[in-house]
PDB file of N, CA and C in Angstrom:
ATOM      1  N   MET A   1       0.830  -1.102  -0.164  1.00  0.00           N
ATOM      2  CA  MET A   1      -0.068  -0.311  -0.016  1.00  0.00           C
ATOM      3  C   MET A   1       0.852   1.535  -0.205  1.00  0.00           C
ATOM      4  N   ILE A   2       0.824   2.018  -1.101  1.00  0.00           N
ATOM      5  CA  ILE A   2       1.313   3.029  -0.892  1.00  0.00           C
ATOM      6  C   ILE A   2       0.344   4.672  -0.532  1.00  0.00           C
ATOM      7  N   VAL A   3       1.017   5.696  -0.038  1.00  0.00           N
ATOM      8  CA  VAL A   3      -0.015   6.760   0.459  1.00  0.00           C
ATOM      9  C   VAL A   3       0.650   8.276   0.095  1.00  0.00           C
ATOM     10  N   GLY A   4      -0.040   8.858  -0.701  1.00  0.00           N
ATOM     11  CA  GLY A   4       0.304   9.773  -1.633  1.00  0.00           C
ATOM     12  C   GLY A   4      -0.102  11.004  -0.811  1.00  0.00           C
ATOM     13  N   VAL A   5       0.815  11.995  -0.207  1.00  0.00           N
ATOM     14  CA  VAL A   5       0.225  13.070   0.168  1.00  0.00           C
ATOM     15  C   VAL A   5       0.912  14.260  -0.844  1.00  0.00           C
ATOM     16  N   LEU A   6      -0.420  15.585  -0.865  1.00  0.00           N
ATOM     17  CA  LEU A   6       0.338  16.826  -2.042  1.00  0.00           C
ATOM     18  C   LEU A   6      -0.174  17.839  -0.798  1.00  0.00           C
ATOM     19  N   THR A   7       0.407  18.478  -0.772  1.00  0.00           N
ATOM     20  CA  THR A   7       0.003  19.915  -0.184  1.00  0.00           C
ATOM     21  C   THR A   7       0.212  21.219  -0.718  1.00  0.00           C
ATOM     22  N   ALA A   8      -0.347  22.000  -1.122  1.00  0.00           N
ATOM     23  CA  ALA A   8      -0.495  23.015  -2.197  1.00  0.00           C
ATOM     24  C   ALA A   8      -1.189  24.407  -0.996  1.00  0.00           C
ATOM     25  N   GLN A   9       0.162  24.893  -1.075  1.00  0.00           N
ATOM     26  CA  GLN A   9      -0.754  26.734  -0.776  1.00  0.00           C
ATOM     27  C   GLN A   9      -1.145  27.399  -1.845  1.00  0.00           C
ATOM     28  N   LEU A  10      -2.281  27.937  -1.611  1.00  0.00           N
ATOM     29  CA  LEU A  10      -3.182  29.144  -2.269  1.00  0.00           C
ATOM     30  C   LEU A  10      -3.009  30.282  -2.222  1.00  0.00           C
ATOM     31  N   HIS A  11      -2.899  31.132  -2.770  1.00  0.00           N
ATOM     32  CA  HIS A  11      -2.840  32.657  -2.780  1.00  0.00           C
ATOM     33  C   HIS A  11      -3.934  33.528  -3.468  1.00  0.00           C
ATOM     34  N   MET A  12      -4.641  34.195  -2.968  1.00  0.00           N
ATOM     35  CA  MET A  12      -5.640  34.990  -3.493  1.00  0.00           C
ATOM     36  C   MET A  12      -5.489  36.412  -3.465  1.00  0.00           C
ATOM     37  N   GLN A  13      -5.815  37.106  -4.303  1.00  0.00           N
ATOM     38  CA  GLN A  13      -5.401  38.594  -4.655  1.00  0.00           C
ATOM     39  C   GLN A  13      -7.305  39.344  -4.416  1.00  0.00           C
ATOM     40  N   GLY A  14      -7.146  40.400  -4.025  1.00  0.00           N
ATOM     41  CA  GLY A  14      -8.202  41.195  -3.919  1.00  0.00           C
ATOM     42  C   GLY A  14      -9.350  40.841  -2.833  1.00  0.00           C
ATOM     43  N   ILE A  15      -8.972  39.396  -2.112  1.00  0.00           N
ATOM     44  CA  ILE A  15     -10.295  39.135  -1.276  1.00  0.00           C
ATOM     45  C   ILE A  15     -10.154  40.330   0.168  1.00  0.00           C
ATOM     46  N   THR A  16     -11.140  40.247   0.432  1.00  0.00           N
ATOM     47  CA  THR A  16     -11.490  41.645   1.745  1.00  0.00           C
ATOM     48  C   THR A  16     -12.262  40.951   2.674  1.00  0.00           C
ATOM     49  N   SER A  17     -12.735  39.616   3.012  1.00  0.00           N
ATOM     50  CA  SER A  17     -12.711  39.147   3.853  1.00  0.00           C
ATOM     51  C   SER A  17     -12.584  37.740   4.352  1.00  0.00           C
ATOM     52  N   LEU A  18     -12.465  37.314   5.349  1.00  0.00           N
ATOM     53  CA  LEU A  18     -12.138  35.529   5.721  1.00  0.00           C
ATOM     54  C   LEU A  18     -13.460  34.952   4.875  1.00  0.00           C
ATOM     55  N   LYS A  19     -14.435  35.147   5.660  1.00  0.00           N
ATOM     56  CA  LYS A  19     -15.783  34.856   4.277  1.00  0.00           C
ATOM     57  C   LYS A  19     -15.542  34.920   2.989  1.00  0.00           C
ATOM     58  N   GLU A  20     -15.221  35.622   2.235  1.00  0.00           N
ATOM     59  CA  GLU A  20     -15.037  35.627   0.917  1.00  0.00           C
ATOM     60  C   GLU A  20     -13.729  34.591   0.391  1.00  0.00           C
ATOM     61  N   LYS A  21     -12.740  34.449   1.456  1.00  0.00           N
ATOM     62  CA  LYS A  21     -11.951  33.279   1.026  1.00  0.00           C
ATOM     63  C   LYS A  21     -12.252  31.730   2.317  1.00  0.00           C
ATOM     64  N   ARG A  22     -12.713  31.802   2.907  1.00  0.00           N
ATOM     65  CA  ARG A  22     -13.427  30.531   2.877  1.00  0.00           C
ATOM     66  C   ARG A  22     -14.791  29.966   1.988  1.00  0.00           C
ATOM     67  N   GLY A  23     -15.086  31.012   1.037  1.00  0.00           N
ATOM     68  CA  GLY A  23     -16.316  30.605   0.175  1.00  0.00           C
ATOM     69  C   GLY A  23     -15.320  30.007  -0.981  1.00  0.00           C
ATOM     70  N   ILE A  24     -14.243  30.390  -1.257  1.00  0.00           N
ATOM     71  CA  ILE A  24     -13.422  29.817  -2.011  1.00  0.00           C
ATOM     72  C   ILE A  24     -12.507  28.986  -2.179  1.00  0.00           C
ATOM     73  N   VAL A  25     -11.851  28.384  -0.883  1.00  0.00           N
ATOM     74  CA  VAL A  25     -11.571  27.327   0.013  1.00  0.00           C
ATOM     75  C   VAL A  25     -12.335  26.020  -0.328  1.00  0.00           C
ATOM     76  N   LYS A  26     -13.665  26.176   0.259  1.00  0.00           N
ATOM     77  CA  LYS A  26     -14.660  25.516   0.568  1.00  0.00           C
ATOM     78  C   LYS A  26     -15.089  24.973  -1.146  1.00  0.00           C
ATOM     79  N   SER A  27     -15.238  25.772  -1.894  1.00  0.00           N
ATOM     80  CA  SER A  27     -15.812  25.262  -3.490  1.00  0.00           C
ATOM     81  C   SER A  27     -14.197  24.232  -3.765  1.00  0.00           C
ATOM     82  N   VAL A  28     -13.084  24.886  -3.924  1.00  0.00           N
ATOM     83  CA  VAL A  28     -11.971  24.021  -4.290  1.00  0.00           C
ATOM     84  C   VAL A  28     -12.367  23.097  -3.571  1.00  0.00           C
ATOM     85  N   ILE A  29     -12.311  22.350  -2.251  1.00  0.00           N
ATOM     86  CA  ILE A  29     -12.014  21.274  -1.973  1.00  0.00           C
ATOM     87  C   ILE A  29     -13.143  20.759  -2.244  1.00  0.00           C
ATOM     88  N   GLY A  30     -14.093  20.833  -2.310  1.00  0.00           N
ATOM     89  CA  GLY A  30     -15.217  19.943  -2.680  1.00  0.00           C
ATOM     90  C   GLY A  30     -15.600  19.644  -4.518  1.00  0.00           C
ATOM     91  N   ARG A  31     -14.742  21.028  -5.095  1.00  0.00           N
ATOM     92  CA  ARG A  31     -14.757  20.097  -6.740  1.00  0.00           C
ATOM     93  C   ARG A  31     -13.270  19.282  -6.677  1.00  0.00           C
ATOM     94  N   LEU A  32     -12.286  19.099  -5.939  1.00  0.00           N
ATOM     95  CA  LEU A  32     -11.121  18.505  -6.095  1.00  0.00           C
ATOM     96  C   LEU A  32     -12.091  17.301  -5.750  1.00  0.00           C
ATOM     97  N   LYS A  33     -12.180  17.381  -4.351  1.00  0.00           N
ATOM     98  CA  LYS A  33     -13.014  16.021  -3.407  1.00  0.00           C
ATOM     99  C   LYS A  33     -13.922  15.196  -4.721  1.00  0.00           C
ATOM    100  N   SER A  34     -14.690  16.152  -5.357  1.00  0.00           N
ATOM    101  CA  SER A  34     -15.554  14.721  -6.239  1.00  0.00           C
ATOM    102  C   SER A  34     -15.244  14.287  -7.373  1.00  0.00           C
ATOM    103  N   ARG A  35     -13.888  15.426  -8.080  1.00  0.00           N
ATOM    104  CA  ARG A  35     -13.221  14.919  -9.523  1.00  0.00           C
ATOM    105  C   ARG A  35     -11.980  13.832  -8.888  1.00  0.00           C
ATOM    106  N   PHE A  36     -11.749  13.847  -8.132  1.00  0.00           N
ATOM    107  CA  PHE A  36     -10.748  12.960  -7.754  1.00  0.00           C
ATOM    108  C   PHE A  36     -10.438  11.762  -6.828  1.00  0.00           C
ATOM    109  N   ASN A  37     -11.719  11.823  -6.200  1.00  0.00           N
ATOM    110  CA  ASN A  37     -12.130  10.504  -4.848  1.00  0.00           C
ATOM    111  C   ASN A  37     -10.737  10.825  -4.186  1.00  0.00           C
ATOM    112  N   ILE A  38     -10.419  12.225  -3.236  1.00  0.00           N
ATOM    113  CA  ILE A  38      -9.394  12.450  -2.287  1.00  0.00           C
ATOM    114  C   ILE A  38     -10.191  12.671  -1.262  1.00  0.00           C
ATOM    115  N   SER A  39      -8.933  12.557  -0.531  1.00  0.00           N
ATOM    116  CA  SER A  39      -9.189  13.343   1.239  1.00  0.00           C
ATOM    117  C   SER A  39      -8.276  14.354   1.101  1.00  0.00           C
ATOM    118  N   ILE A  40      -8.891  15.507   1.476  1.00  0.00           N
ATOM    119  CA  ILE A  40      -8.502  16.907   1.688  1.00  0.00           C
ATOM    120  C   ILE A  40      -8.925  17.709   2.458  1.00  0.00           C
ATOM    121  N   ALA A  41      -8.459  18.913   3.291  1.00  0.00           N
ATOM    122  CA  ALA A  41      -8.677  19.831   4.372  1.00  0.00           C
ATOM    123  C   ALA A  41      -7.711  20.926   4.126  1.00  0.00           C
ATOM    124  N   GLU A  42      -8.320  22.000   4.313  1.00  0.00           N
ATOM    125  CA  GLU A  42      -7.423  22.987   4.678  1.00  0.00           C
ATOM    126  C   GLU A  42      -6.981  22.759   5.766  1.00  0.00           C
ATOM    127  N   VAL A  43      -5.038  22.810   6.030  1.00  0.00           N
ATOM    128  CA  VAL A  43      -4.326  22.452   6.977  1.00  0.00           C
ATOM    129  C   VAL A  43      -3.732  23.488   7.649  1.00  0.00           C
ATOM    130  N   ASP A  44      -3.566  24.783   6.908  1.00  0.00           N
ATOM    131  CA  ASP A  44      -2.862  25.982   7.457  1.00  0.00           C
ATOM    132  C   ASP A  44      -3.503  27.203   7.232  1.00  0.00           C
ATOM    133  N   HIS A  45      -3.242  28.752   7.553  1.00  0.00           N
ATOM    134  CA  HIS A  45      -3.404  29.954   7.223  1.00  0.00           C
ATOM    135  C   HIS A  45      -4.994  30.318   7.037  1.00  0.00           C
ATOM    136  N   GLN A  46      -5.952  28.908   8.258  1.00  0.00           N
ATOM    137  CA  GLN A  46      -6.829  29.436   8.226  1.00  0.00           C
ATOM    138  C   GLN A  46      -7.758  31.026   8.570  1.00  0.00           C
ATOM    139  N   ASP A  47      -6.734  31.714   9.291  1.00  0.00           N
ATOM    140  CA  ASP A  47      -7.302  32.797   9.634  1.00  0.00           C
ATOM    141  C   ASP A  47      -6.167  34.537   9.062  1.00  0.00           C
ATOM    142  N   ASN A  48      -5.708  33.700   7.803  1.00  0.00           N
ATOM    143  CA  ASN A  48      -5.512  34.406   6.824  1.00  0.00           C
ATOM    144  C   ASN A  48      -6.016  35.089   5.670  1.00  0.00           C
ATOM    145  N   LYS A  49      -6.785  35.829   5.515  1.00  0.00           N
ATOM    146  CA  LYS A  49      -7.850  35.983   4.582  1.00  0.00           C
ATOM    147  C   LYS A  49      -7.015  35.840   2.979  1.00  0.00           C
ATOM    148  N   THR A  50      -5.429  36.311   2.267  1.00  0.00           N
ATOM    149  CA  THR A  50      -5.167  36.018   1.543  1.00  0.00           C
ATOM    150  C   THR A  50      -4.753  34.394   0.863  1.00  0.00           C
ATOM    151  N   SER A  51      -4.304  33.318   1.948  1.00  0.00           N
ATOM    152  CA  SER A  51      -3.996  32.614   1.219  1.00  0.00           C
ATOM    153  C   SER A  51      -4.614  31.769   2.384  1.00  0.00           C
ATOM    154  N   ALA A  52      -4.183  30.267   2.102  1.00  0.00           N
ATOM    155  CA  ALA A  52      -4.684  29.202   2.338  1.00  0.00           C
ATOM    156  C   ALA A  52      -3.639  27.450   2.304  1.00  0.00           C
ATOM    157  N   VAL A  53      -3.577  26.687   2.499  1.00  0.00           N
ATOM    158  CA  VAL A  53      -2.797  25.415   2.858  1.00  0.00           C
ATOM    159  C   VAL A  53      -3.692  24.576   2.618  1.00  0.00           C
ATOM    160  N   ILE A  54      -4.081  23.674   1.785  1.00  0.00           N
ATOM    161  CA  ILE A  54      -4.688  22.495   1.792  1.00  0.00           C
ATOM    162  C   ILE A  54      -3.783  21.153   1.476  1.00  0.00           C
ATOM    163  N   ALA A  55      -4.141  20.798   2.034  1.00  0.00           N
ATOM    164  CA  ALA A  55      -3.399  18.869   1.815  1.00  0.00           C
ATOM    165  C   ALA A  55      -4.243  17.907   1.651  1.00  0.00           C
ATOM    166  N   MET A  56      -4.069  16.701   0.727  1.00  0.00           N
ATOM    167  CA  MET A  56      -4.823  15.984  -0.549  1.00  0.00           C
ATOM    168  C   MET A  56      -3.571  14.132  -0.146  1.00  0.00           C
ATOM    169  N   VAL A  57      -4.975  13.695   0.105  1.00  0.00           N
ATOM    170  CA  VAL A  57      -3.870  11.958   0.587  1.00  0.00           C
ATOM    171  C   VAL A  57      -4.860  11.547  -0.292  1.00  0.00           C
ATOM    172  N   MET A  58      -3.848  10.152  -0.750  1.00  0.00           N
ATOM    173  CA  MET A  58      -4.352   9.497  -1.924  1.00  0.00           C
ATOM    174  C   MET A  58      -3.768   8.066  -1.707  1.00  0.00           C
ATOM    175  N   VAL A  59      -4.609   6.994  -1.682  1.00  0.00           N
ATOM    176  CA  VAL A  59      -3.776   5.485  -1.655  1.00  0.00           C
ATOM    177  C   VAL A  59      -4.257   4.867  -2.673  1.00  0.00           C
ATOM    178  N   SER A  60      -2.974   3.984  -2.728  1.00  0.00           N
ATOM    179  CA  SER A  60      -3.012   3.098  -4.108  1.00  0.00           C
ATOM    180  C   SER A  60      -1.586   2.265  -4.229  1.00  0.00           C
ATOM    181  N   ASN A  61      -1.447   0.892  -4.938  1.00  0.00           N
ATOM    182  CA  ASN A  61      -0.783  -0.169  -4.714  1.00  0.00           C
ATOM    183  C   ASN A  61       0.305   0.380  -5.678  1.00  0.00           C
ATOM    184  N   ASP A  62       0.101   1.391  -6.950  1.00  0.00           N
ATOM    185  CA  ASP A  62       0.858   2.270  -7.826  1.00  0.00           C
ATOM    186  C   ASP A  62       0.818   3.144  -7.703  1.00  0.00           C
ATOM    187  N   THR A  63       2.758   3.571  -7.435  1.00  0.00           N
ATOM    188  CA  THR A  63       3.303   4.880  -7.075  1.00  0.00           C
ATOM    189  C   THR A  63       3.006   5.880  -8.581  1.00  0.00           C
ATOM    190  N   ARG A  64       2.752   5.410  -9.505  1.00  0.00           N
ATOM    191  CA  ARG A  64       2.891   5.821 -10.678  1.00  0.00           C
ATOM    192  C   ARG A  64       1.694   6.388 -11.220  1.00  0.00           C
ATOM    193  N   PHE A  65       0.494   5.787 -10.510  1.00  0.00           N
ATOM    194  CA  PHE A  65      -0.692   6.137 -10.356  1.00  0.00           C
ATOM    195  C   PHE A  65      -0.810   7.431  -9.636  1.00  0.00           C
ATOM    196  N   ILE A  66      -0.393   7.320  -8.459  1.00  0.00           N
ATOM    197  CA  ILE A  66      -0.275   8.494  -7.704  1.00  0.00           C
ATOM    198  C   ILE A  66       0.031   9.895  -8.234  1.00  0.00           C
ATOM    199  N   ASP A  67       1.267   9.649  -8.421  1.00  0.00           N
ATOM    200  CA  ASP A  67       2.065  11.059  -9.324  1.00  0.00           C
ATOM    201  C   ASP A  67       1.524  11.534 -10.729  1.00  0.00           C
ATOM    202  N   ARG A  68       0.529  10.143 -11.380  1.00  0.00           N
ATOM    203  CA  ARG A  68      -0.446  10.895 -12.625  1.00  0.00           C
ATOM    204  C   ARG A  68      -1.704  11.815 -11.614  1.00  0.00           C
ATOM    205  N   GLN A  69      -2.005  10.976 -10.803  1.00  0.00           N
ATOM    206  CA  GLN A  69      -3.493  11.948 -10.387  1.00  0.00           C
ATOM    207  C   GLN A  69      -2.854  13.175  -9.914  1.00  0.00           C
ATOM    208  N   PHE A  70      -1.880  13.759  -9.049  1.00  0.00           N
ATOM    209  CA  PHE A  70      -0.785  14.318  -8.210  1.00  0.00           C
ATOM    210  C   PHE A  70      -0.921  15.486  -9.663  1.00  0.00           C
ATOM    211  N   ASP A  71      -0.231  14.945 -10.407  1.00  0.00           N
ATOM    212  CA  ASP A  71      -0.253  16.100 -11.994  1.00  0.00           C
ATOM    213  C   ASP A  71      -1.121  16.384 -12.386  1.00  0.00           C
ATOM    214  N   THR A  72      -2.586  15.815 -12.545  1.00  0.00           N
ATOM    215  CA  THR A  72      -3.764  16.126 -13.132  1.00  0.00           C
ATOM    216  C   THR A  72      -4.582  17.307 -11.714  1.00  0.00           C
ATOM    217  N   ILE A  73      -3.992  16.928 -11.037  1.00  0.00           N
ATOM    218  CA  ILE A  73      -4.873  17.934  -9.562  1.00  0.00           C
ATOM    219  C   ILE A  73      -4.169  18.995  -9.186  1.00  0.00           C
ATOM    220  N   ILE A  74      -2.594  19.288  -9.733  1.00  0.00           N
ATOM    221  CA  ILE A  74      -1.858  20.663  -9.863  1.00  0.00           C
ATOM    222  C   ILE A  74      -2.601  21.573 -11.400  1.00  0.00           C
ATOM    223  N   ASN A  75      -2.992  20.361 -12.207  1.00  0.00           N
ATOM    224  CA  ASN A  75      -3.232  21.437 -13.792  1.00  0.00           C
ATOM    225  C   ASN A  75      -4.043  21.947 -13.282  1.00  0.00           C
ATOM    226  N   PHE A  76      -4.912  21.090 -12.965  1.00  0.00           N
ATOM    227  CA  PHE A  76      -6.578  21.490 -12.455  1.00  0.00           C
ATOM    228  C   PHE A  76      -7.038  22.482 -11.467  1.00  0.00           C
ATOM    229  N   MET A  77      -5.873  22.757 -10.874  1.00  0.00           N
ATOM    230  CA  MET A  77      -5.865  23.948  -9.730  1.00  0.00           C
ATOM    231  C   MET A  77      -5.336  25.222 -10.564  1.00  0.00           C
ATOM    232  N   GLN A  78      -4.405  25.178 -11.380  1.00  0.00           N
ATOM    233  CA  GLN A  78      -3.857  25.816 -11.506  1.00  0.00           C
ATOM    234  C   GLN A  78      -5.000  26.717 -12.859  1.00  0.00           C
ATOM    235  N   ARG A  79      -5.674  25.875 -13.400  1.00  0.00           N
ATOM    236  CA  ARG A  79      -6.667  26.523 -14.362  1.00  0.00           C
ATOM    237  C   ARG A  79      -7.572  27.445 -13.531  1.00  0.00           C
ATOM    238  N   ASP A  80      -8.053  26.989 -12.393  1.00  0.00           N
ATOM    239  CA  ASP A  80      -8.774  28.141 -11.385  1.00  0.00           C
ATOM    240  C   ASP A  80      -8.671  29.449 -11.193  1.00  0.00           C
ATOM    241  N   GLY A  81      -9.014  30.402 -12.112  1.00  0.00           N
ATOM    242  CA  GLY A  81      -8.638  31.770 -12.059  1.00  0.00           C
ATOM    243  C   GLY A  81      -9.075  32.663 -10.303  1.00  0.00           C
ATOM    244  N   ARG A  82      -9.178  31.910  -9.709  1.00  0.00           N
ATOM    245  CA  ARG A  82      -9.369  32.517  -8.293  1.00  0.00           C
ATOM    246  C   ARG A  82      -8.140  32.472  -7.233  1.00  0.00           C
ATOM    247  N   PHE A  83      -7.094  31.928  -7.775  1.00  0.00           N
ATOM    248  CA  PHE A  83      -6.186  31.981  -6.715  1.00  0.00           C
ATOM    249  C   PHE A  83      -5.010  31.345  -7.851  1.00  0.00           C
ATOM    250  N   TYR A  84      -4.169  31.380  -7.521  1.00  0.00           N
ATOM    251  CA  TYR A  84      -2.385  31.095  -7.919  1.00  0.00           C
ATOM    252  C   TYR A  84      -1.764  29.997  -6.680  1.00  0.00           C
ATOM    253  N   LEU A  85      -1.266  29.131  -7.328  1.00  0.00           N
ATOM    254  CA  LEU A  85      -0.328  28.400  -6.547  1.00  0.00           C
ATOM    255  C   LEU A  85       1.070  28.695  -6.027  1.00  0.00           C
ATOM    256  N   GLY A  86       1.111  28.521  -4.557  1.00  0.00           N
ATOM    257  CA  GLY A  86       2.709  29.098  -4.529  1.00  0.00           C
ATOM    258  C   GLY A  86       3.518  27.835  -4.446  1.00  0.00           C
ATOM    259  N   LYS A  87       3.998  27.833  -2.934  1.00  0.00           N
ATOM    260  CA  LYS A  87       4.421  26.147  -2.748  1.00  0.00           C
ATOM    261  C   LYS A  87       4.056  24.741  -2.941  1.00  0.00           C
ATOM    262  N   ILE A  88       4.251  23.654  -3.661  1.00  0.00           N
ATOM    263  CA  ILE A  88       3.780  22.812  -3.673  1.00  0.00           C
ATOM    264  C   ILE A  88       4.526  21.832  -2.931  1.00  0.00           C
ATOM    265  N   GLU A  89       3.956  20.863  -1.953  1.00  0.00           N
ATOM    266  CA  GLU A  89       5.339  19.698  -1.692  1.00  0.00           C
ATOM    267  C   GLU A  89       4.297  18.179  -1.963  1.00  0.00           C
ATOM    268  N   ARG A  90       4.945  17.631  -2.593  1.00  0.00           N
ATOM    269  CA  ARG A  90       4.689  15.984  -2.535  1.00  0.00           C
ATOM    270  C   ARG A  90       5.499  14.781  -1.851  1.00  0.00           C
ATOM    271  N   GLU A  91       4.777  13.679  -1.153  1.00  0.00           N
ATOM    272  CA  GLU A  91       5.417  12.698  -0.616  1.00  0.00           C
ATOM    273  C   GLU A  91       4.709  11.673  -0.928  1.00  0.00           C
ATOM    274  N   THR A  92       5.147  10.275  -0.933  1.00  0.00           N
ATOM    275  CA  THR A  92       4.580   9.007  -1.195  1.00  0.00           C
ATOM    276  C   THR A  92       5.438   8.471  -0.294  1.00  0.00           C
ATOM    277  N   PHE A  93       4.612   7.507   0.613  1.00  0.00           N
ATOM    278  CA  PHE A  93       5.289   6.749   2.101  1.00  0.00           C
ATOM    279  C   PHE A  93       4.918   5.002   1.653  1.00  0.00           C
TER     280      PHE A  93
END
């Protein structure tokens, strides 16, 4: 069994409130969860209105599958115009 963890920092410009930021983060999490069948949560910067850190976890018996899925997830997030991606970390165990 292989566990993959992907952590991504999201930066949002023009956000004026935590409520607005949380709406965007909740939408992103919901879209990723339903499209890619991953476990996902906001794990840092909860009280910062211009950034968020989300972590995603995937389990498989194939490291290459996890890598391909994470590549697809990153591309999917990069196409979202509401934020831009900062630091991205990937690990497999």
